[in-house]
Amino acid sequence: MLNQSETLYPSLTPLAVQVRWKVPTEFPACPEEFTDDALLLYESRLSFSSVFARNQLSTSLVVDRNLKDDDLIVLTHFAGEAIKNWAVAHISIHDGLFHHRSEFTFFSLKGALKHFCELTGEGLGDSIDDYCS
């Protein structure tokens, strides 16, 4: 999912870099060292409502996460007031660094959940809301 031409931005967390995420951010659950099972360890540290990311502008809390192959996908909700309260992030490992890629931010949980499911390969399926105007 990582586009090699995308700019990498520094993170406040050692061993982490940011993609499509300019504000320096701390990822408290990110492992402090790289191991063969680093993404599995990272996923195990992310529980519902735990802090996924924080910076001078916002704090995002874990809603759900899914480890698929070599990709960790995280669905989050911003603490406090925000125009777009929901976000999806993609974490992968390249050259011994945790690449935290901001996928998108969303106005609604439904939009964020739909994108989360697309990235994880889980079918969200249609709901009655898809057929109502």
Protein backbone atom coordinates (compact mmCIF):
# COMPACT_ATOMS: atom_id res chain seq x y z
CA MET A 1 0.00 0.00 0.00
CA LEU A 2 3.00 2.27 0.38
CA ASN A 3 3.78 4.34 -2.67
CA GLN A 4 7.58 4.58 -2.86
CA SER A 5 7.40 8.17 -4.10
CA GLU A 6 5.51 9.42 -1.04
CA THR A 7 7.32 11.80 1.30
CA LEU A 8 8.34 10.49 4.72
CA TYR A 9 7.91 12.83 7.68
CA PRO A 10 9.63 12.49 11.07
CA SER A 11 7.70 11.13 14.03
CA LEU A 12 8.03 11.84 17.74
CA THR A 13 8.35 8.06 18.22
CA PRO A 14 11.69 6.30 17.65
CA LEU A 15 11.63 3.80 14.76
CA ALA A 16 8.52 5.46 13.30
CA VAL A 17 8.06 7.66 10.25
CA GLN A 18 4.90 9.22 8.88
CA VAL A 19 3.42 9.16 5.38
CA ARG A 20 0.72 11.64 4.35
CA TRP A 21 0.94 12.84 7.97
CA LYS A 22 2.89 16.09 8.33
CA VAL A 23 2.36 17.04 11.99
CA PRO A 24 4.99 15.28 14.16
CA THR A 25 3.07 12.65 16.10
CA GLU A 26 3.69 10.23 18.94
CA PHE A 27 2.51 6.61 18.64
CA PRO A 28 2.56 5.34 22.26
CA ALA A 29 1.88 1.67 21.42
CA CYS A 30 4.57 1.44 18.74
CA PRO A 31 7.28 -1.07 19.70
CA GLU A 32 10.60 0.44 20.80
CA GLU A 33 12.61 -2.11 18.86
CA PHE A 34 12.24 -4.02 15.64
CA THR A 35 11.62 -7.77 15.83
CA ASP A 36 10.28 -10.39 13.43
CA ASP A 37 6.86 -10.20 15.08
CA ALA A 38 6.85 -6.42 15.57
CA LEU A 39 3.49 -5.81 13.86
CA LEU A 40 1.87 -8.58 15.90
CA LEU A 41 3.25 -6.99 19.07
CA TYR A 42 2.02 -3.57 17.91
CA GLU A 43 -1.47 -4.93 17.24
CA SER A 44 -1.59 -6.57 20.68
CA ARG A 45 -0.92 -3.18 22.31
CA LEU A 46 -3.88 -1.52 20.57
CA SER A 47 -7.12 -2.03 22.47
CA PHE A 48 -10.46 -0.27 22.19
CA SER A 49 -10.21 3.35 23.40
CA SER A 50 -6.43 3.23 23.93
CA VAL A 51 -4.39 6.12 22.50
CA PHE A 52 -3.17 5.34 19.00
CA ALA A 53 -1.66 8.73 18.12
CA ARG A 54 -1.27 12.14 19.70
CA ASN A 55 0.25 15.45 18.70
CA GLN A 56 -0.15 19.14 19.47
CA LEU A 57 -3.46 19.25 17.57
CA SER A 58 -5.29 16.04 18.46
CA THR A 59 -5.42 12.63 20.09
CA SER A 60 -6.85 9.62 18.29
CA LEU A 61 -8.28 6.62 20.10
CA VAL A 62 -8.46 3.05 18.80
CA VAL A 63 -11.86 1.82 17.66
CA ASP A 64 -10.69 -1.32 15.85
CA ARG A 65 -7.56 -2.82 14.34
CA ASN A 66 -6.77 -5.66 11.98
CA LEU A 67 -3.47 -7.32 11.13
CA LYS A 68 -3.55 -8.68 7.59
CA ASP A 69 -0.36 -10.19 6.19
CA ASP A 70 2.26 -7.44 6.62
CA ASP A 71 -0.24 -4.62 7.11
CA LEU A 72 -1.76 -3.29 10.33
CA ILE A 73 -4.90 -1.25 9.71
CA VAL A 74 -6.27 0.94 12.52
CA LEU A 75 -9.67 2.64 12.74
CA THR A 76 -9.66 5.60 15.13
CA HIS A 77 -11.88 8.28 16.62
CA PHE A 78 -10.56 11.72 17.56
CA ALA A 79 -10.96 12.71 21.21
CA GLY A 80 -12.67 16.07 21.63
CA GLU A 81 -14.17 18.20 18.88
CA ALA A 82 -13.24 17.70 15.24
CA ILE A 83 -15.00 18.29 11.93
CA LYS A 84 -13.91 14.86 10.73
CA ASN A 85 -14.02 12.66 13.84
CA TRP A 86 -12.90 9.38 12.27
CA ALA A 87 -9.67 8.21 10.63
CA VAL A 88 -8.00 5.14 9.21
CA ALA A 89 -4.25 4.52 9.37
CA HIS A 90 -2.08 1.89 7.72
CA ILE A 91 1.12 0.67 9.37
CA SER A 92 3.77 -1.36 7.60
CA ILE A 93 7.47 -1.99 8.11
CA HIS A 94 10.10 -0.90 5.60
CA ASP A 95 13.85 -0.86 6.21
CA GLY A 96 13.36 -1.46 9.94
CA LEU A 97 10.99 1.50 10.41
CA PHE A 98 7.29 1.56 11.20
CA HIS A 99 5.63 3.53 8.40
CA HIS A 100 2.43 5.17 9.70
CA ARG A 101 0.34 6.19 6.71
CA SER A 102 -2.72 8.37 7.11
CA GLU A 103 -5.29 6.84 4.81
CA PHE A 104 -8.06 9.40 5.20
CA THR A 105 -10.20 11.21 7.74
CA PHE A 106 -13.97 10.86 7.63
CA PHE A 107 -17.11 12.73 8.66
CA SER A 108 -18.94 9.55 9.65
CA LEU A 109 -18.18 6.20 11.23
CA LYS A 110 -19.85 4.52 8.27
CA GLY A 111 -17.39 6.08 5.80
CA ALA A 112 -14.40 5.20 7.98
CA LEU A 113 -15.65 1.66 8.56
CA LYS A 114 -16.22 1.13 4.85
CA HIS A 115 -12.62 2.14 4.06
CA PHE A 116 -11.28 0.09 6.98
CA CYS A 117 -13.08 -2.98 5.63
CA GLU A 118 -11.80 -2.36 2.10
CA LEU A 119 -8.21 -2.28 3.38
CA THR A 120 -8.59 -5.35 5.57
CA GLY A 121 -10.39 -7.36 2.91
CA GLU A 122 -13.46 -7.79 5.07
CA GLY A 123 -16.77 -7.31 3.33
CA LEU A 124 -18.89 -4.68 4.99
CA GLY A 125 -21.78 -5.55 2.72
CA ASP A 126 -24.81 -3.47 1.96
CA SER A 127 -27.03 -2.04 4.62
CA ILE A 128 -30.51 -0.63 4.39
CA ASP A 129 -28.92 2.84 4.40
CA ASP A 130 -27.41 2.10 0.98
CA TYR A 131 -30.91 1.96 -0.49
CA CYS A 132 -32.53 4.91 1.30
CA SER A 133 -32.29 8.50 0.19
